[in-house]
Amino acid sequence: MFHQVIRRLSPVFAVLALACSYEGDGQMSVSQNFAIFTQESAQVIDALTDVLVAQDALAADLADQLDPGLLETLRSRGEAHLNSESVSLGTEELAALVPEDVRRFIGDEGGRYVLELTMEPAPDGGLRVTVTPTIIATVRGGEGPLGGRPLPSNGTLEQRILDALRNRLGG
């Protein structure tokens, strides 16, 4: 039963992993959901957790505790992953994060998002930070194992996080 649910959700997660935006003519264009930073890994990780705290996606008391563990994981495994806390959104906030043609799936309840952040060495040096959101529209009574309807991102959320990280790092 569990494997059947996962197989049905796999295409949904594949869509969610791709950041996209829509141009004026309705055509989808892929937008970048990662950035490469040349600062020291410890500095990037510290700035990333600070950005998440500022965006209410991570509790402030956790940020300082996570930084050393993420840095050690990056050094020992060659990559590190961090999932944000679930961030609740009103209807308008949620609508701003998804393509226009799927906004019809947003009800009066709004929704939420969770970010998966991956840090890994970039091929040409530096640290690559990838932001992958899971955006869920709340549905009365819940729907499926996610408690709502998954929606694709329009790239706004990823860009917001990466821009805040660039600003925090001075570049």
N, C-alpha and C. Protein backbone atom coordinates (compact mmCIF):
# COMPACT_ATOMS: atom_id res chain seq x y z
N MET A 1 0.82 -1.20 0.00
CA MET A 1 0.00 0.00 0.00
C MET A 1 0.87 1.26 0.00
N PHE A 2 1.87 1.32 0.89
CA PHE A 2 2.75 2.48 1.00
C PHE A 2 3.46 2.73 -0.33
N HIS A 3 3.96 1.67 -0.96
CA HIS A 3 4.68 1.83 -2.22
C HIS A 3 3.77 2.33 -3.33
N GLN A 4 2.48 1.93 -3.30
CA GLN A 4 1.54 2.42 -4.30
C GLN A 4 1.33 3.92 -4.14
N VAL A 5 1.24 4.40 -2.91
CA VAL A 5 1.06 5.82 -2.65
C VAL A 5 2.28 6.59 -3.14
N ILE A 6 3.48 6.09 -2.83
CA ILE A 6 4.71 6.75 -3.25
C ILE A 6 4.81 6.80 -4.77
N ARG A 7 4.46 5.69 -5.45
CA ARG A 7 4.52 5.68 -6.92
C ARG A 7 3.56 6.71 -7.50
N ARG A 8 2.38 6.86 -6.90
CA ARG A 8 1.43 7.84 -7.40
C ARG A 8 1.92 9.26 -7.15
N LEU A 9 2.65 9.48 -6.05
CA LEU A 9 3.14 10.81 -5.72
C LEU A 9 4.42 11.17 -6.44
N SER A 10 5.15 10.20 -6.95
CA SER A 10 6.43 10.48 -7.59
C SER A 10 6.34 11.54 -8.68
N PRO A 11 5.37 11.49 -9.59
CA PRO A 11 5.28 12.56 -10.59
C PRO A 11 5.00 13.92 -9.97
N VAL A 12 4.23 13.94 -8.88
CA VAL A 12 3.95 15.19 -8.20
C VAL A 12 5.23 15.79 -7.67
N PHE A 13 6.05 14.99 -7.01
CA PHE A 13 7.30 15.49 -6.46
C PHE A 13 8.26 15.89 -7.56
N ALA A 14 8.23 15.19 -8.69
CA ALA A 14 9.10 15.58 -9.80
C ALA A 14 8.74 16.97 -10.30
N VAL A 15 7.46 17.27 -10.35
CA VAL A 15 7.02 18.60 -10.77
C VAL A 15 7.44 19.64 -9.74
N LEU A 16 7.31 19.31 -8.47
CA LEU A 16 7.66 20.26 -7.42
C LEU A 16 9.14 20.56 -7.38
N ALA A 17 9.96 19.63 -7.80
CA ALA A 17 11.40 19.83 -7.73
C ALA A 17 11.91 20.80 -8.79
N LEU A 18 11.13 21.07 -9.80
CA LEU A 18 11.55 21.96 -10.87
C LEU A 18 10.97 23.34 -10.62
N ALA A 19 11.83 24.31 -10.47
CA ALA A 19 11.35 25.68 -10.34
C ALA A 19 10.98 26.17 -11.72
N CYS A 20 9.85 26.82 -11.85
CA CYS A 20 9.46 27.31 -13.14
C CYS A 20 8.77 28.66 -12.99
N SER A 21 8.71 29.38 -14.06
CA SER A 21 7.98 30.63 -14.07
C SER A 21 7.24 30.72 -15.40
N TYR A 22 6.29 31.61 -15.47
CA TYR A 22 5.48 31.75 -16.66
C TYR A 22 5.69 33.13 -17.26
N GLU A 23 5.98 33.15 -18.55
CA GLU A 23 6.19 34.40 -19.25
C GLU A 23 4.83 34.97 -19.65
N GLY A 24 4.82 36.20 -20.14
CA GLY A 24 3.59 36.88 -20.50
C GLY A 24 2.74 36.14 -21.50
N ASP A 25 3.36 35.33 -22.37
CA ASP A 25 2.59 34.61 -23.38
C ASP A 25 2.09 33.26 -22.89
N GLY A 26 2.24 32.99 -21.59
CA GLY A 26 1.75 31.74 -21.02
C GLY A 26 2.71 30.58 -21.14
N GLN A 27 3.85 30.78 -21.77
CA GLN A 27 4.82 29.71 -21.92
C GLN A 27 5.65 29.56 -20.65
N MET A 28 5.86 28.33 -20.24
CA MET A 28 6.66 28.08 -19.05
C MET A 28 8.13 28.18 -19.41
N SER A 29 8.88 28.82 -18.52
CA SER A 29 10.34 28.85 -18.68
C SER A 29 10.96 28.40 -17.37
N VAL A 30 11.99 27.62 -17.48
CA VAL A 30 12.64 27.11 -16.28
C VAL A 30 13.45 28.23 -15.66
N SER A 31 13.32 28.39 -14.35
CA SER A 31 14.14 29.36 -13.65
C SER A 31 15.09 28.60 -12.73
N GLN A 32 16.16 29.23 -12.39
CA GLN A 32 17.21 28.58 -11.63
C GLN A 32 16.82 28.50 -10.16
N ASN A 33 16.91 27.31 -9.58
CA ASN A 33 16.59 27.15 -8.16
C ASN A 33 17.86 26.91 -7.35
N PHE A 34 19.01 27.33 -7.89
CA PHE A 34 20.25 27.18 -7.15
C PHE A 34 21.15 28.38 -7.41
N ALA A 35 22.12 28.55 -6.54
CA ALA A 35 23.14 29.58 -6.72
C ALA A 35 24.45 29.03 -6.18
N ILE A 36 25.55 29.53 -6.70
CA ILE A 36 26.88 29.12 -6.24
C ILE A 36 27.52 30.29 -5.52
N PHE A 37 28.02 30.02 -4.33
CA PHE A 37 28.62 31.04 -3.48
C PHE A 37 30.10 30.72 -3.27
N THR A 38 30.93 31.75 -3.35
CA THR A 38 32.38 31.55 -3.25
C THR A 38 32.91 31.74 -1.84
N GLN A 39 32.07 32.21 -0.92
CA GLN A 39 32.51 32.38 0.46
C GLN A 39 32.78 31.02 1.10
N GLU A 40 33.43 31.04 2.25
CA GLU A 40 33.69 29.81 3.00
C GLU A 40 32.36 29.12 3.31
N SER A 41 32.37 27.80 3.32
CA SER A 41 31.15 27.01 3.57
C SER A 41 30.49 27.39 4.89
N ALA A 42 31.30 27.59 5.94
CA ALA A 42 30.74 27.95 7.25
C ALA A 42 29.98 29.27 7.17
N GLN A 43 30.50 30.22 6.41
CA GLN A 43 29.85 31.52 6.26
C GLN A 43 28.53 31.38 5.50
N VAL A 44 28.53 30.56 4.45
CA VAL A 44 27.32 30.37 3.65
C VAL A 44 26.24 29.67 4.49
N ILE A 45 26.63 28.64 5.22
CA ILE A 45 25.66 27.91 6.04
C ILE A 45 25.08 28.82 7.12
N ASP A 46 25.93 29.61 7.76
CA ASP A 46 25.46 30.54 8.79
C ASP A 46 24.48 31.55 8.19
N ALA A 47 24.81 32.08 7.02
CA ALA A 47 23.93 33.04 6.36
C ALA A 47 22.62 32.38 5.93
N LEU A 48 22.68 31.15 5.47
CA LEU A 48 21.48 30.44 5.04
C LEU A 48 20.52 30.23 6.21
N THR A 49 21.03 29.77 7.34
CA THR A 49 20.13 29.58 8.48
C THR A 49 19.58 30.92 8.97
N ASP A 50 20.38 31.99 8.89
CA ASP A 50 19.89 33.32 9.25
C ASP A 50 18.76 33.76 8.32
N VAL A 51 18.91 33.50 7.03
CA VAL A 51 17.87 33.84 6.06
C VAL A 51 16.59 33.07 6.38
N LEU A 52 16.71 31.80 6.68
CA LEU A 52 15.52 31.00 7.01
C LEU A 52 14.83 31.52 8.26
N VAL A 53 15.61 31.94 9.26
CA VAL A 53 15.02 32.53 10.47
C VAL A 53 14.28 33.82 10.11
N ALA A 54 14.90 34.66 9.31
CA ALA A 54 14.28 35.93 8.91
C ALA A 54 13.00 35.72 8.11
N GLN A 55 12.90 34.59 7.41
CA GLN A 55 11.73 34.30 6.59
C GLN A 55 10.71 33.43 7.35
N ASP A 56 10.92 33.28 8.67
CA ASP A 56 10.04 32.46 9.52
C ASP A 56 9.96 31.00 9.08
N ALA A 57 11.03 30.51 8.48
CA ALA A 57 11.08 29.13 8.02
C ALA A 57 11.96 28.26 8.92
N LEU A 58 12.51 28.85 9.99
CA LEU A 58 13.36 28.13 10.92
C LEU A 58 13.34 28.87 12.25
N ALA A 59 13.19 28.12 13.33
CA ALA A 59 13.20 28.73 14.66
C ALA A 59 14.59 29.27 14.98
N ALA A 60 14.65 30.46 15.53
CA ALA A 60 15.93 31.13 15.80
C ALA A 60 16.83 30.30 16.71
N ASP A 61 16.24 29.61 17.69
CA ASP A 61 17.06 28.83 18.62
C ASP A 61 17.67 27.59 17.97
N LEU A 62 17.16 27.19 16.82
CA LEU A 62 17.72 26.04 16.10
C LEU A 62 18.88 26.41 15.18
N ALA A 63 18.88 27.63 14.69
CA ALA A 63 19.87 28.03 13.68
C ALA A 63 21.30 27.80 14.16
N ASP A 64 21.64 28.31 15.34
CA ASP A 64 23.01 28.16 15.83
C ASP A 64 23.36 26.71 16.13
N GLN A 65 22.36 25.92 16.50
CA GLN A 65 22.60 24.50 16.77
C GLN A 65 22.83 23.72 15.47
N LEU A 66 22.17 24.12 14.40
CA LEU A 66 22.27 23.41 13.13
C LEU A 66 23.57 23.70 12.38
N ASP A 67 24.08 24.92 12.49
CA ASP A 67 25.24 25.33 11.70
C ASP A 67 26.42 24.36 11.80
N PRO A 68 26.91 24.00 13.01
CA PRO A 68 28.07 23.10 13.07
C PRO A 68 27.79 21.72 12.50
N GLY A 69 26.59 21.19 12.72
CA GLY A 69 26.23 19.87 12.21
C GLY A 69 26.16 19.85 10.69
N LEU A 70 25.60 20.90 10.10
CA LEU A 70 25.53 20.98 8.64
C LEU A 70 26.92 21.08 8.04
N LEU A 71 27.79 21.87 8.66
CA LEU A 71 29.15 22.02 8.17
C LEU A 71 29.90 20.69 8.26
N GLU A 72 29.75 19.98 9.36
CA GLU A 72 30.42 18.68 9.52
C GLU A 72 29.89 17.67 8.51
N THR A 73 28.58 17.66 8.30
CA THR A 73 27.97 16.75 7.31
C THR A 73 28.48 17.07 5.91
N LEU A 74 28.57 18.34 5.58
CA LEU A 74 29.09 18.75 4.28
C LEU A 74 30.52 18.27 4.09
N ARG A 75 31.33 18.43 5.12
CA ARG A 75 32.74 18.01 5.03
C ARG A 75 32.89 16.49 4.94
N SER A 76 32.11 15.77 5.72
CA SER A 76 32.28 14.31 5.76
C SER A 76 31.56 13.58 4.62
N ARG A 77 30.43 14.08 4.17
CA ARG A 77 29.64 13.38 3.15
C ARG A 77 29.66 14.05 1.78
N GLY A 78 30.18 15.26 1.73
CA GLY A 78 30.22 15.97 0.46
C GLY A 78 28.95 16.70 0.11
N GLU A 79 27.96 16.62 0.95
CA GLU A 79 26.71 17.38 0.79
C GLU A 79 25.97 17.41 2.11
N ALA A 80 25.09 18.39 2.24
CA ALA A 80 24.27 18.50 3.45
C ALA A 80 22.87 18.93 3.04
N HIS A 81 21.89 18.45 3.76
CA HIS A 81 20.48 18.76 3.48
C HIS A 81 19.85 19.36 4.72
N LEU A 82 18.95 20.29 4.48
CA LEU A 82 18.20 20.94 5.57
C LEU A 82 16.78 21.16 5.09
N ASN A 83 15.83 20.73 5.89
CA ASN A 83 14.43 21.02 5.60
C ASN A 83 13.97 22.12 6.53
N SER A 84 13.29 23.11 5.97
CA SER A 84 12.76 24.20 6.77
C SER A 84 11.55 23.71 7.57
N GLU A 85 11.09 24.56 8.43
CA GLU A 85 9.82 24.30 9.10
C GLU A 85 8.71 24.59 8.10
N SER A 86 7.53 24.13 8.39
CA SER A 86 6.38 24.41 7.54
C SER A 86 5.95 25.87 7.77
N VAL A 87 5.80 26.60 6.68
CA VAL A 87 5.42 28.01 6.76
C VAL A 87 4.00 28.15 6.24
N SER A 88 3.10 28.63 7.09
CA SER A 88 1.70 28.81 6.72
C SER A 88 1.54 30.06 5.86
N LEU A 89 0.63 29.96 4.89
CA LEU A 89 0.39 31.05 3.96
C LEU A 89 -1.09 31.33 3.83
N GLY A 90 -1.44 32.59 3.70
CA GLY A 90 -2.80 32.96 3.36
C GLY A 90 -3.03 32.71 1.88
N THR A 91 -4.25 32.87 1.44
CA THR A 91 -4.61 32.60 0.06
C THR A 91 -3.81 33.45 -0.92
N GLU A 92 -3.69 34.75 -0.66
CA GLU A 92 -2.97 35.63 -1.58
C GLU A 92 -1.47 35.33 -1.59
N GLU A 93 -0.91 35.04 -0.42
CA GLU A 93 0.52 34.70 -0.35
C GLU A 93 0.80 33.43 -1.15
N LEU A 94 -0.07 32.45 -1.00
CA LEU A 94 0.08 31.19 -1.72
C LEU A 94 -0.04 31.41 -3.23
N ALA A 95 -1.02 32.21 -3.64
CA ALA A 95 -1.24 32.48 -5.07
C ALA A 95 -0.01 33.12 -5.71
N ALA A 96 0.73 33.91 -4.96
CA ALA A 96 1.92 34.57 -5.51
C ALA A 96 3.07 33.59 -5.77
N LEU A 97 2.99 32.37 -5.22
CA LEU A 97 4.08 31.41 -5.34
C LEU A 97 3.86 30.32 -6.38
N VAL A 98 2.67 30.30 -6.98
CA VAL A 98 2.34 29.24 -7.93
C VAL A 98 1.94 29.84 -9.27
N PRO A 99 2.06 29.05 -10.35
CA PRO A 99 1.65 29.55 -11.67
C PRO A 99 0.17 29.91 -11.70
N GLU A 100 -0.16 30.88 -12.50
CA GLU A 100 -1.53 31.38 -12.57
C GLU A 100 -2.54 30.29 -12.90
N ASP A 101 -2.18 29.38 -13.79
CA ASP A 101 -3.15 28.37 -14.22
C ASP A 101 -3.46 27.32 -13.15
N VAL A 102 -2.73 27.26 -12.04
CA VAL A 102 -3.07 26.31 -10.98
C VAL A 102 -3.65 27.01 -9.75
N ARG A 103 -3.81 28.31 -9.83
CA ARG A 103 -4.37 29.06 -8.68
C ARG A 103 -5.81 28.66 -8.38
N ARG A 104 -6.48 28.08 -9.34
CA ARG A 104 -7.87 27.65 -9.13
C ARG A 104 -7.95 26.55 -8.07
N PHE A 105 -6.84 25.88 -7.78
CA PHE A 105 -6.82 24.82 -6.78
C PHE A 105 -6.65 25.35 -5.36
N ILE A 106 -6.48 26.66 -5.24
CA ILE A 106 -6.31 27.27 -3.92
C ILE A 106 -7.68 27.64 -3.38
N GLY A 107 -8.00 27.10 -2.22
CA GLY A 107 -9.27 27.43 -1.60
C GLY A 107 -9.11 28.57 -0.61
N ASP A 108 -10.12 28.76 0.21
CA ASP A 108 -10.10 29.83 1.21
C ASP A 108 -9.14 29.55 2.36
N GLU A 109 -8.67 28.31 2.46
CA GLU A 109 -7.83 27.92 3.59
C GLU A 109 -6.36 28.29 3.42
N GLY A 110 -5.95 28.72 2.22
CA GLY A 110 -4.53 29.04 1.98
C GLY A 110 -3.71 27.77 1.85
N GLY A 111 -2.55 27.76 2.50
CA GLY A 111 -1.71 26.59 2.39
C GLY A 111 -0.42 26.75 3.16
N ARG A 112 0.62 26.09 2.68
CA ARG A 112 1.92 26.13 3.38
C ARG A 112 3.01 25.68 2.42
N TYR A 113 4.23 25.91 2.85
CA TYR A 113 5.36 25.37 2.10
C TYR A 113 6.43 24.89 3.05
N VAL A 114 7.23 23.99 2.55
CA VAL A 114 8.43 23.50 3.23
C VAL A 114 9.54 23.56 2.19
N LEU A 115 10.71 23.99 2.62
CA LEU A 115 11.85 24.06 1.71
C LEU A 115 12.83 22.94 2.00
N GLU A 116 13.34 22.32 0.96
CA GLU A 116 14.47 21.42 1.09
C GLU A 116 15.67 22.18 0.53
N LEU A 117 16.69 22.33 1.35
CA LEU A 117 17.90 23.04 0.93
C LEU A 117 19.04 22.04 0.89
N THR A 118 19.74 22.03 -0.23
CA THR A 118 20.87 21.14 -0.42
C THR A 118 22.11 21.98 -0.63
N MET A 119 23.16 21.64 0.09
CA MET A 119 24.45 22.31 -0.05
C MET A 119 25.47 21.27 -0.48
N GLU A 120 26.21 21.60 -1.55
CA GLU A 120 27.22 20.68 -2.05
C GLU A 120 28.30 21.49 -2.76
N PRO A 121 29.51 20.96 -2.81
CA PRO A 121 30.57 21.67 -3.52
C PRO A 121 30.21 21.81 -5.00
N ALA A 122 30.45 23.00 -5.54
CA ALA A 122 30.21 23.23 -6.97
C ALA A 122 31.39 22.66 -7.76
N PRO A 123 31.16 22.18 -8.97
CA PRO A 123 32.23 21.57 -9.77
C PRO A 123 33.45 22.48 -9.97
N ASP A 124 33.22 23.77 -10.13
CA ASP A 124 34.32 24.71 -10.38
C ASP A 124 34.74 25.47 -9.12
N GLY A 125 34.34 24.98 -7.96
CA GLY A 125 34.66 25.66 -6.71
C GLY A 125 33.46 26.38 -6.14
N GLY A 126 33.53 26.66 -4.89
CA GLY A 126 32.42 27.32 -4.22
C GLY A 126 31.43 26.30 -3.67
N LEU A 127 30.33 26.81 -3.15
CA LEU A 127 29.29 25.98 -2.56
C LEU A 127 27.99 26.22 -3.31
N ARG A 128 27.41 25.15 -3.81
CA ARG A 128 26.13 25.24 -4.52
C ARG A 128 25.01 25.03 -3.51
N VAL A 129 24.08 25.98 -3.47
CA VAL A 129 22.91 25.89 -2.60
C VAL A 129 21.68 25.76 -3.50
N THR A 130 20.94 24.68 -3.34
CA THR A 130 19.74 24.43 -4.13
C THR A 130 18.52 24.52 -3.22
N VAL A 131 17.50 25.23 -3.67
CA VAL A 131 16.26 25.41 -2.93
C VAL A 131 15.15 24.69 -3.67
N THR A 132 14.53 23.71 -3.02
CA THR A 132 13.44 22.96 -3.62
C THR A 132 12.22 23.06 -2.70
N PRO A 133 11.19 23.79 -3.13
CA PRO A 133 10.00 23.94 -2.27
C PRO A 133 8.98 22.82 -2.51
N THR A 134 8.25 22.51 -1.47
CA THR A 134 7.04 21.72 -1.58
C THR A 134 5.93 22.65 -1.14
N ILE A 135 5.04 22.97 -2.06
CA ILE A 135 3.95 23.91 -1.80
C ILE A 135 2.65 23.13 -1.77
N ILE A 136 1.89 23.32 -0.71
CA ILE A 136 0.64 22.57 -0.52
C ILE A 136 -0.52 23.54 -0.32
N ALA A 137 -1.59 23.38 -1.10
CA ALA A 137 -2.83 24.13 -0.88
C ALA A 137 -3.67 23.31 0.08
N THR A 138 -4.07 23.92 1.17
CA THR A 138 -4.89 23.23 2.16
C THR A 138 -6.27 22.94 1.57
N VAL A 139 -6.74 21.74 1.81
CA VAL A 139 -8.05 21.33 1.33
C VAL A 139 -8.86 20.90 2.54
N ARG A 140 -10.09 21.37 2.64
CA ARG A 140 -10.94 20.99 3.79
C ARG A 140 -10.95 19.48 3.97
N GLY A 141 -10.71 19.06 5.19
CA GLY A 141 -10.71 17.63 5.50
C GLY A 141 -9.42 16.94 5.10
N GLY A 142 -8.49 17.68 4.56
CA GLY A 142 -7.23 17.08 4.14
C GLY A 142 -7.43 16.26 2.89
N GLU A 143 -6.39 16.05 2.16
CA GLU A 143 -6.45 15.25 0.94
C GLU A 143 -5.14 14.50 0.81
N GLY A 144 -5.21 13.21 0.84
CA GLY A 144 -4.01 12.41 0.66
C GLY A 144 -3.04 12.52 1.82
N PRO A 145 -1.88 11.93 1.66
CA PRO A 145 -0.91 11.88 2.75
C PRO A 145 -0.29 13.23 3.07
N LEU A 146 -0.39 14.23 2.18
CA LEU A 146 0.19 15.54 2.43
C LEU A 146 -0.78 16.49 3.12
N GLY A 147 -2.02 16.08 3.29
CA GLY A 147 -3.00 16.94 3.95
C GLY A 147 -3.46 18.10 3.09
N GLY A 148 -3.29 17.99 1.80
CA GLY A 148 -3.70 19.05 0.88
C GLY A 148 -3.27 18.70 -0.52
N ARG A 149 -3.37 19.67 -1.40
CA ARG A 149 -3.05 19.46 -2.80
C ARG A 149 -1.69 20.08 -3.12
N PRO A 150 -0.71 19.27 -3.58
CA PRO A 150 0.58 19.82 -3.96
C PRO A 150 0.45 20.70 -5.21
N LEU A 151 1.15 21.81 -5.21
CA LEU A 151 1.14 22.72 -6.34
C LEU A 151 2.56 23.00 -6.80
N PRO A 152 2.77 23.22 -8.09
CA PRO A 152 4.11 23.55 -8.57
C PRO A 152 4.48 24.98 -8.19
N SER A 153 5.75 25.23 -8.13
CA SER A 153 6.26 26.57 -7.83
C SER A 153 6.41 27.37 -9.11
N ASN A 154 6.26 28.68 -9.01
CA ASN A 154 6.53 29.55 -10.16
C ASN A 154 7.95 30.12 -10.09
N GLY A 155 8.74 29.71 -9.10
CA GLY A 155 10.11 30.17 -8.97
C GLY A 155 10.30 31.35 -8.03
N THR A 156 9.22 31.99 -7.63
CA THR A 156 9.30 33.17 -6.77
C THR A 156 9.92 32.85 -5.42
N LEU A 157 9.49 31.78 -4.81
CA LEU A 157 9.99 31.42 -3.48
C LEU A 157 11.48 31.09 -3.52
N GLU A 158 11.89 30.32 -4.50
CA GLU A 158 13.30 29.97 -4.62
C GLU A 158 14.15 31.22 -4.81
N GLN A 159 13.67 32.10 -5.69
CA GLN A 159 14.41 33.33 -5.96
C GLN A 159 14.48 34.22 -4.73
N ARG A 160 13.40 34.28 -3.96
CA ARG A 160 13.37 35.08 -2.74
C ARG A 160 14.43 34.60 -1.75
N ILE A 161 14.53 33.30 -1.57
CA ILE A 161 15.52 32.74 -0.64
C ILE A 161 16.94 32.99 -1.15
N LEU A 162 17.19 32.71 -2.42
CA LEU A 162 18.53 32.89 -2.97
C LEU A 162 18.95 34.36 -3.00
N ASP A 163 18.02 35.27 -3.31
CA ASP A 163 18.33 36.70 -3.29
C ASP A 163 18.66 37.16 -1.88
N ALA A 164 17.89 36.70 -0.90
CA ALA A 164 18.17 37.07 0.50
C ALA A 164 19.54 36.55 0.93
N LEU A 165 19.89 35.34 0.48
CA LEU A 165 21.19 34.77 0.80
C LEU A 165 22.31 35.58 0.13
N ARG A 166 22.12 35.96 -1.12
CA ARG A 166 23.12 36.79 -1.80
C ARG A 166 23.30 38.12 -1.07
N ASN A 167 22.20 38.74 -0.69
CA ASN A 167 22.27 40.02 0.04
C ASN A 167 22.98 39.87 1.37
N ARG A 168 22.70 38.81 2.07
CA ARG A 168 23.33 38.57 3.38
C ARG A 168 24.84 38.35 3.24
N LEU A 169 25.23 37.72 2.13
CA LEU A 169 26.66 37.43 1.91
C LEU A 169 27.39 38.57 1.18
N GLY A 170 26.62 39.60 0.83
CA GLY A 170 27.25 40.75 0.19
C GLY A 170 27.53 40.60 -1.28
N GLY A 171 26.76 39.80 -1.95
CA GLY A 171 27.05 39.64 -3.38
C GLY A 171 25.84 39.30 -4.10
